[in-house]
Amino acid sequence: MSILIVDDTPVNLVLLEDILKQEGYTDIHCVGSAREAFAFMERGGQAGGPDVDLILMDVVMPGMDGIEACRQIKSRERLKDIPVVMITVRDDAEALQQSFAAGANDYIIKPVKETELLSRVRSVMCLKREIDRRKAREAELLRMTEQLEMINKTLENLINIDSLTDVGNRRYFDKLLENEWQRAARRSDPIALLMIDIDDFKSFNNAYGRHKGDQCLRQVATALNEVIKRAGDFVVRYGGEEFAVVLPNTDSDGAVAVAEQLRSVIDGLKIPHEQSSLGEILTVSIGIAAGVPRQGSDQRLIVAAAESALYVAKGEGRNRIRVANDSCA
């Protein structure tokens, strides 16, 4: 372990270094001022620089004295855990109180006695080793906590994201719609729900196969997600070939405008669908429900209303948008 001796008197440096080397300590560094000590420890923050495990600090030095140097060491995050033993000619209560107030771990009275020095050094070195072990345990605990958080986030994504389309799934929809519904009720804000169904998707699967059907669902989900860009809006795969879009703080007119954009974007994909009853490309039907929820009302109201509007859109010939007549709130 590395020991840094700070003393402006060369003979004191030699004496302390000799005592420590005879005891078997080999990694010893000597400097003649607090300024030199900080320069030395600063190099320790660089790659390959020296580390310090213990500082033996003279109290009375020109420029910055040992008390102030100790105070600054303890105020710096990288250095604060290095034990400091003050070496002083003063043994009065005030001097010792100042040393401990500055953050010193121990003190030695001059002239230095070999037995006392080695005893203090061994004691403080044991403390430093324990500090290092504690910091290592804390670092490991922090690393494990971060890993656990990453795992939890991954699991949450696996739970909430539809594995085929990479948009939210039904579980995610139920949770977020409830949250947005309650927020809208508290603030008396409007909320809109779009239920989107791919027209004649069963015949698409029959004609082109399951693989093409899955590819089609991914294309539609990506297109919907690219249109829905406001923070708070979200797209989910509601089930099968059906998607849902939740638009907080959006009234009926705003929802219709978004729905028209979504329907146009799906048309623009030009996905071939020769078995469609409407033409040769894939289309969607959209049901809309919107309103301001009442306090204590159930979010299933807006789901039922949007599904009813979707049913009307499909019943009237598909590839169109219909808005629920009844209040969803």
Protein backbone atom coordinates (compact mmCIF):
# COMPACT_ATOMS: atom_id res chain seq x y z
CA MET A 1 0.00 0.00 0.00
CA SER A 2 1.21 3.50 -0.85
CA ILE A 3 2.14 6.07 1.81
CA LEU A 4 2.60 9.78 1.12
CA ILE A 5 4.67 11.78 3.63
CA VAL A 6 4.17 15.58 3.57
CA ASP A 7 6.69 17.63 5.57
CA ASP A 8 8.69 20.76 4.75
CA THR A 9 11.70 19.58 6.77
CA PRO A 10 13.92 17.15 4.77
CA VAL A 11 15.35 15.47 7.88
CA ASN A 12 11.82 14.60 9.03
CA LEU A 13 11.05 13.09 5.65
CA VAL A 14 14.17 10.93 5.80
CA LEU A 15 13.44 9.82 9.37
CA LEU A 16 9.84 8.79 8.69
CA GLU A 17 10.75 7.07 5.42
CA ASP A 18 13.55 5.06 7.08
CA ILE A 19 11.28 3.86 9.91
CA LEU A 20 8.60 2.75 7.49
CA LYS A 21 11.02 1.03 5.11
CA GLN A 22 12.60 -0.92 7.98
CA GLU A 23 9.12 -2.16 8.85
CA GLY A 24 8.68 -3.43 5.30
CA TYR A 25 6.72 -0.61 3.68
CA THR A 26 8.26 -0.02 0.26
CA ASP A 27 5.84 2.17 -1.65
CA ILE A 28 6.67 5.49 0.05
CA HIS A 29 6.58 8.95 -1.50
CA CYS A 30 7.90 12.16 0.10
CA VAL A 31 6.97 15.76 -0.75
CA GLY A 32 7.83 19.04 0.94
CA SER A 33 4.56 20.98 0.80
CA ALA A 34 0.80 20.70 0.54
CA ARG A 35 0.99 22.02 -3.03
CA GLU A 36 3.35 19.21 -4.00
CA ALA A 37 1.09 16.71 -2.24
CA PHE A 38 -1.93 17.76 -4.28
CA ALA A 39 0.09 17.68 -7.49
CA PHE A 40 1.21 14.15 -6.64
CA MET A 41 -2.31 12.97 -5.86
CA GLU A 42 -3.65 14.64 -8.99
CA ARG A 43 -1.37 12.42 -11.04
CA GLY A 44 -3.04 9.52 -9.24
CA GLY A 45 -6.27 10.39 -11.01
CA GLN A 46 -4.61 9.80 -14.38
CA ALA A 47 -4.14 6.43 -16.02
CA GLY A 48 -1.13 4.71 -14.54
CA GLY A 49 -0.61 7.42 -11.91
CA PRO A 50 0.27 6.66 -8.28
CA ASP A 51 -2.48 5.91 -5.76
CA VAL A 52 -2.28 6.92 -2.11
CA ASP A 53 -3.52 4.75 0.75
CA LEU A 54 -2.25 6.84 3.67
CA ILE A 55 -1.05 10.41 4.18
CA LEU A 56 1.30 11.41 7.00
CA MET A 57 0.87 15.20 7.14
CA ASP A 58 2.92 17.77 9.05
CA VAL A 59 0.71 20.45 10.58
CA VAL A 60 3.07 23.43 10.45
CA MET A 61 4.19 24.12 6.86
CA PRO A 62 4.72 27.31 4.83
CA GLY A 63 1.94 28.27 2.45
CA MET A 64 -0.95 25.93 3.09
CA ASP A 65 -0.64 24.28 6.49
CA GLY A 66 -1.54 20.68 7.24
CA ILE A 67 -4.95 21.50 8.75
CA GLU A 68 -6.14 23.32 5.62
CA ALA A 69 -4.59 20.67 3.36
CA CYS A 70 -6.45 17.95 5.27
CA ARG A 71 -9.70 19.92 5.01
CA GLN A 72 -9.30 20.21 1.23
CA ILE A 73 -8.44 16.53 0.86
CA LYS A 74 -11.63 15.54 2.68
CA SER A 75 -13.69 17.91 0.52
CA ARG A 76 -12.65 16.24 -2.74
CA GLU A 77 -14.65 13.22 -3.81
CA ARG A 78 -11.70 11.24 -5.20
CA LEU A 79 -9.50 11.87 -2.17
CA LYS A 80 -11.89 11.98 0.77
CA ASP A 81 -11.47 8.31 1.76
CA ILE A 82 -7.67 8.52 2.07
CA PRO A 83 -6.81 8.36 5.80
CA VAL A 84 -4.76 11.32 7.07
CA VAL A 85 -2.53 11.14 10.14
CA MET A 86 -1.43 14.57 11.39
CA ILE A 87 2.10 15.02 12.76
CA THR A 88 2.33 17.97 15.14
CA VAL A 89 4.52 19.49 17.84
CA ARG A 90 1.39 20.69 19.59
CA ASP A 91 -0.45 18.34 21.95
CA ASP A 92 -2.98 20.79 23.35
CA ALA A 93 -6.71 20.16 23.01
CA GLU A 94 -7.25 23.00 20.55
CA ALA A 95 -4.68 21.68 18.08
CA LEU A 96 -6.09 18.17 18.23
CA GLN A 97 -9.64 19.45 17.88
CA GLN A 98 -8.65 21.41 14.77
CA SER A 99 -7.02 18.31 13.28
CA PHE A 100 -10.06 16.10 13.81
CA ALA A 101 -12.43 18.86 12.68
CA ALA A 102 -10.50 19.02 9.40
CA GLY A 103 -11.08 15.27 8.91
CA ALA A 104 -7.86 13.74 10.23
CA ASN A 105 -8.09 10.09 11.26
CA ASP A 106 -5.31 10.20 13.87
CA TYR A 107 -2.33 12.23 15.06
CA ILE A 108 1.28 11.75 16.19
CA ILE A 109 3.14 14.13 18.49
CA LYS A 110 6.68 15.20 17.58
CA PRO A 111 9.34 14.06 18.14
CA VAL A 112 8.07 10.93 16.44
CA LYS A 113 8.56 7.66 18.31
CA GLU A 114 9.09 4.62 16.10
CA THR A 115 6.72 2.36 18.05
CA GLU A 116 3.95 4.93 18.06
CA LEU A 117 4.37 5.70 14.35
CA LEU A 118 4.20 2.06 13.30
CA SER A 119 1.24 1.38 15.58
CA ARG A 120 -0.68 4.34 14.12
CA VAL A 121 0.22 3.35 10.57
CA ARG A 122 -0.90 -0.28 11.04
CA SER A 123 -4.17 0.86 12.59
CA VAL A 124 -4.95 3.34 9.85
CA MET A 125 -3.90 0.92 7.12
CA CYS A 126 -6.42 -1.58 8.50
CA LEU A 127 -9.04 1.16 8.32
CA LYS A 128 -8.09 1.91 4.70
CA ARG A 129 -8.36 -1.73 3.73
CA GLU A 130 -11.83 -1.88 5.27
CA ILE A 131 -12.82 1.29 3.43
CA ASP A 132 -11.57 -0.22 0.16
CA ARG A 133 -13.51 -3.43 0.79
CA ARG A 134 -16.65 -1.43 1.56
CA LYS A 135 -16.27 0.65 -1.59
CA ALA A 136 -15.73 -2.51 -3.64
CA ARG A 137 -18.89 -4.05 -2.15
CA GLU A 138 -20.83 -0.86 -2.86
CA ALA A 139 -19.53 -0.75 -6.44
CA GLU A 140 -20.51 -4.38 -6.95
CA LEU A 141 -23.93 -3.75 -5.44
CA LEU A 142 -24.39 -0.74 -7.73
CA ARG A 143 -23.34 -2.80 -10.74
CA MET A 144 -25.77 -5.56 -9.83
CA THR A 145 -28.55 -3.03 -9.23
CA GLU A 146 -27.95 -1.48 -12.66
CA GLN A 147 -27.98 -4.91 -14.27
CA LEU A 148 -31.21 -5.77 -12.47
CA GLU A 149 -32.78 -2.52 -13.66
CA MET A 150 -31.76 -3.32 -17.23
CA ILE A 151 -33.22 -6.81 -16.90
CA ASN A 152 -36.45 -5.42 -15.46
CA LYS A 153 -36.74 -2.92 -18.32
CA THR A 154 -36.14 -5.70 -20.82
CA LEU A 155 -38.77 -7.88 -19.16
CA GLU A 156 -41.20 -4.97 -19.08
CA ASN A 157 -40.68 -4.46 -22.79
CA LEU A 158 -41.20 -8.16 -23.43
CA ILE A 159 -44.41 -8.02 -21.40
CA ASN A 160 -45.77 -4.82 -22.99
CA ILE A 161 -44.56 -5.05 -26.60
CA ASP A 162 -46.13 -7.17 -29.29
CA SER A 163 -43.37 -9.46 -30.51
CA LEU A 164 -44.53 -9.46 -34.14
CA THR A 165 -45.13 -5.76 -34.78
CA ASP A 166 -42.95 -4.09 -32.09
CA VAL A 167 -45.79 -1.81 -31.00
CA GLY A 168 -47.60 -2.04 -27.67
CA ASN A 169 -49.75 -5.09 -27.00
CA ARG A 170 -53.22 -5.47 -25.46
CA ARG A 171 -51.84 -5.54 -21.91
CA TYR A 172 -50.00 -2.28 -22.54
CA PHE A 173 -53.15 -0.78 -24.05
CA ASP A 174 -55.31 -1.64 -21.05
CA LYS A 175 -52.80 -0.14 -18.60
CA LEU A 176 -52.09 3.07 -20.50
CA LEU A 177 -55.70 3.72 -21.51
CA GLU A 178 -56.76 3.48 -17.86
CA ASN A 179 -54.04 5.96 -16.87
CA GLU A 180 -54.92 8.41 -19.66
CA TRP A 181 -58.63 8.07 -18.99
CA GLN A 182 -58.22 8.91 -15.32
CA ARG A 183 -55.91 11.84 -16.12
CA ALA A 184 -58.43 13.22 -18.63
CA ALA A 185 -61.22 12.86 -16.05
CA ARG A 186 -59.21 14.76 -13.42
CA ARG A 187 -58.39 17.60 -15.81
CA SER A 188 -61.68 17.58 -17.76
CA ASP A 189 -59.67 17.04 -20.95
CA PRO A 190 -60.95 15.24 -24.05
CA ILE A 191 -59.56 11.88 -25.08
CA ALA A 192 -60.02 9.96 -28.32
CA LEU A 193 -59.68 6.32 -29.30
CA LEU A 194 -59.28 4.95 -32.81
CA MET A 195 -59.97 1.28 -33.49
CA ILE A 196 -58.39 0.21 -36.80
CA ASP A 197 -59.13 -3.03 -38.61
CA ILE A 198 -57.40 -4.34 -41.76
CA ASP A 199 -60.10 -5.03 -44.32
CA ASP A 200 -60.54 -8.61 -45.57
CA PHE A 201 -57.40 -9.75 -43.76
CA LYS A 202 -58.57 -13.34 -43.56
CA SER A 203 -58.73 -13.54 -47.34
CA PHE A 204 -55.29 -11.87 -47.49
CA ASN A 205 -53.83 -14.65 -45.34
CA ASN A 206 -55.59 -17.31 -47.39
CA ALA A 207 -54.28 -15.86 -50.64
CA TYR A 208 -50.70 -14.99 -49.69
CA GLY A 209 -49.92 -17.22 -46.72
CA ARG A 210 -49.19 -16.63 -43.06
CA HIS A 211 -45.69 -15.31 -43.66
CA LYS A 212 -46.95 -12.55 -45.95
CA GLY A 213 -49.72 -11.88 -43.45
CA ASP A 214 -47.22 -11.31 -40.66
CA GLN A 215 -45.15 -9.07 -42.94
CA CYS A 216 -48.28 -7.09 -43.74
CA LEU A 217 -49.08 -6.58 -40.04
CA ARG A 218 -45.54 -5.30 -39.43
CA GLN A 219 -45.81 -2.85 -42.34
CA VAL A 220 -49.14 -1.51 -41.10
CA ALA A 221 -47.89 -1.16 -37.51
CA THR A 222 -44.78 0.72 -38.66
CA ALA A 223 -46.83 3.06 -40.84
CA LEU A 224 -49.26 3.82 -38.02
CA ASN A 225 -46.42 4.42 -35.58
CA GLU A 226 -44.72 6.86 -37.95
CA VAL A 227 -47.86 9.00 -38.13
CA ILE A 228 -48.46 9.04 -34.36
CA LYS A 229 -45.67 11.36 -33.19
CA ARG A 230 -47.09 13.42 -30.32
CA ALA A 231 -45.75 12.63 -26.88
CA GLY A 232 -48.50 10.74 -25.05
CA ASP A 233 -50.15 9.30 -28.17
CA PHE A 234 -49.60 5.57 -28.63
CA VAL A 235 -50.31 2.73 -31.02
CA VAL A 236 -50.97 -0.88 -30.01
CA ARG A 237 -51.85 -4.11 -31.66
CA TYR A 238 -55.24 -4.72 -30.11
CA GLY A 239 -55.51 -8.28 -31.40
CA GLY A 240 -55.24 -10.19 -34.68
CA GLU A 241 -55.43 -7.66 -37.51
CA GLU A 242 -56.85 -4.92 -35.27
CA PHE A 243 -54.90 -1.92 -33.95
CA ALA A 244 -55.81 0.84 -31.52
CA VAL A 245 -54.57 4.41 -31.25
CA VAL A 246 -55.07 6.48 -28.09
CA LEU A 247 -54.98 10.27 -28.48
CA PRO A 248 -55.00 12.16 -25.17
CA ASN A 249 -56.23 15.76 -25.18
CA THR A 250 -57.89 15.24 -28.58
CA ASP A 251 -61.52 15.95 -29.47
CA SER A 252 -63.62 14.30 -32.16
CA ASP A 253 -62.54 16.64 -34.96
CA GLY A 254 -58.87 16.14 -34.14
CA ALA A 255 -59.35 12.37 -34.03
CA VAL A 256 -61.01 12.38 -37.46
CA ALA A 257 -58.09 14.32 -38.93
CA VAL A 258 -55.62 11.79 -37.53
CA ALA A 259 -57.76 8.89 -38.73
CA GLU A 260 -57.87 10.30 -42.28
CA GLN A 261 -54.10 10.57 -42.24
CA LEU A 262 -53.73 7.00 -41.02
CA ARG A 263 -56.12 5.61 -43.62
CA SER A 264 -54.32 7.55 -46.37
CA VAL A 265 -50.92 6.27 -45.21
CA ILE A 266 -52.10 2.65 -45.34
CA ASP A 267 -53.49 3.22 -48.84
CA GLY A 268 -50.13 4.69 -49.79
CA LEU A 269 -48.33 1.47 -48.84
CA LYS A 270 -49.90 -0.11 -51.94
CA ILE A 271 -49.80 -3.56 -50.38
CA PRO A 272 -51.27 -5.93 -53.01
CA HIS A 273 -54.57 -7.56 -51.97
CA GLU A 274 -56.20 -9.10 -55.02
CA GLN A 275 -58.77 -10.92 -52.88
CA SER A 276 -60.06 -7.68 -51.31
CA SER A 277 -63.72 -6.89 -51.90
CA LEU A 278 -62.73 -3.23 -52.36
CA GLY A 279 -59.98 -3.34 -54.96
CA GLU A 280 -56.45 -4.59 -55.41
CA ILE A 281 -54.63 -3.00 -52.44
CA LEU A 282 -54.86 -3.35 -48.68
CA THR A 283 -57.18 -0.91 -46.87
CA VAL A 284 -58.35 -0.27 -43.30
CA SER A 285 -61.58 0.70 -41.59
CA ILE A 286 -61.49 3.00 -38.55
CA GLY A 287 -63.95 3.57 -35.72
CA ILE A 288 -63.60 6.67 -33.54
CA ALA A 289 -64.89 7.55 -30.08
CA ALA A 290 -64.03 10.76 -28.24
CA GLY A 291 -65.22 12.76 -25.27
CA VAL A 292 -64.43 14.17 -21.85
CA PRO A 293 -64.61 11.40 -19.22
CA ARG A 294 -66.64 11.89 -16.08
CA GLN A 295 -64.94 11.33 -12.73
CA GLY A 296 -65.38 7.69 -11.73
CA SER A 297 -66.47 6.53 -15.20
CA ASP A 298 -65.02 3.39 -16.80
CA GLN A 299 -62.57 3.55 -19.73
CA ARG A 300 -64.36 0.56 -21.24
CA LEU A 301 -67.02 3.04 -22.36
CA ILE A 302 -64.72 4.54 -24.96
CA VAL A 303 -63.57 1.10 -26.11
CA ALA A 304 -67.14 -0.07 -26.64
CA ALA A 305 -68.03 3.14 -28.47
CA ALA A 306 -65.03 2.95 -30.80
CA GLU A 307 -65.68 -0.73 -31.53
CA SER A 308 -69.29 0.09 -32.38
CA ALA A 309 -68.15 2.82 -34.76
CA LEU A 310 -65.70 0.38 -36.36
CA TYR A 311 -68.50 -2.14 -36.79
CA VAL A 312 -70.55 0.51 -38.60
CA ALA A 313 -67.61 1.42 -40.86
CA LYS A 314 -67.13 -2.20 -41.87
CA GLY A 315 -70.86 -2.75 -42.29
CA GLU A 316 -71.12 0.23 -44.64
CA GLY A 317 -68.52 -1.19 -47.00
CA ARG A 318 -65.09 -0.85 -45.29
CA ASN A 319 -62.19 1.48 -46.17
CA ARG A 320 -63.86 4.33 -44.31
CA ILE A 321 -64.02 6.18 -41.02
CA ARG A 322 -67.00 6.43 -38.72
CA VAL A 323 -67.44 8.31 -35.43
CA ALA A 324 -69.49 6.96 -32.53
CA ASN A 325 -72.74 8.87 -32.05
CA ASP A 326 -73.22 8.05 -28.38
CA SER A 327 -71.16 9.75 -25.69
CA CYS A 328 -68.23 7.60 -24.58
CA ALA A 329 -67.90 9.42 -21.27
